[in-house]
């Protein structure tokens, strides 16, 4: 495992989105790792409210163009990239006109069009994985943050266990409190079966309503380690993570990149 490379898959990153606990941590933790000599790549959705000109986003033609099939419909993948200054942190954006609309509102599509959140989540996950494979860049740590990233551990471990990009990586999942505006489409398991997933691989989604708890359990089941990223994480989910025997980092505070670095070193 190359511990000098870390991949961050995040739901929100500041300053592309307004400051929240998640968006700030999704910037400061990768930035802290980069300052410690670790090579970092970060991914997030290209929400419509992100101003491409102001944030100097540009499309990466060689990484774009893949069609991702979800529920018998094809959705073209568009990859854009920007560099955060002054840290020079590179951020890749997963874009598609079906799931991420260009608009002036500050609201996110996950809030304004929640009926699409299951397919938006699937598209984002496949988009990140296929882009990392094309980059031929092999991280030692893959750190997922936010419910929209919760399918990533499952897809990596279930669909790409021997891929050189992922086979030696340790997957860390950060749990936040107060996530997911509404439950996901009950047909999500059916859509995943159409992509080749077996029921045992998505068991957490088959126990009833597909809500934040179900997504956290799904991610925990397939991750190598778990972090309580905020101090208001549901105690039931914390107990679930500990019961799986996963290495667990209790809430380390909001400005403590060293705690994350030390945790990675134990995996």
Foldseek 3Di string as FASTA:
>chain_A
DPQLEEEEEAAAAPPQADDDLRNPLSPQLQLVSVVVRRHYEYEYAPAQQRDCVVQVKDWDVVLWADWDDFPNDTWTWIKIWGADPPSRHIYIHTDTCVQHPHDNDSDGSCPVPVQCLLVQLVSSLVSVVSSLLVVVAAHQEYEYEALSCLCNLLCCVPPPCPRRNYVNHAYEYEDEPDHRPDWYDLCSVVRVVVVPDDCVSQVLSVPDTRGPLSSLLSSLVRGQEYEHQDPPGDVVSVVSSVVVVHHYHYHPDSNCSVSVVVSSVVD
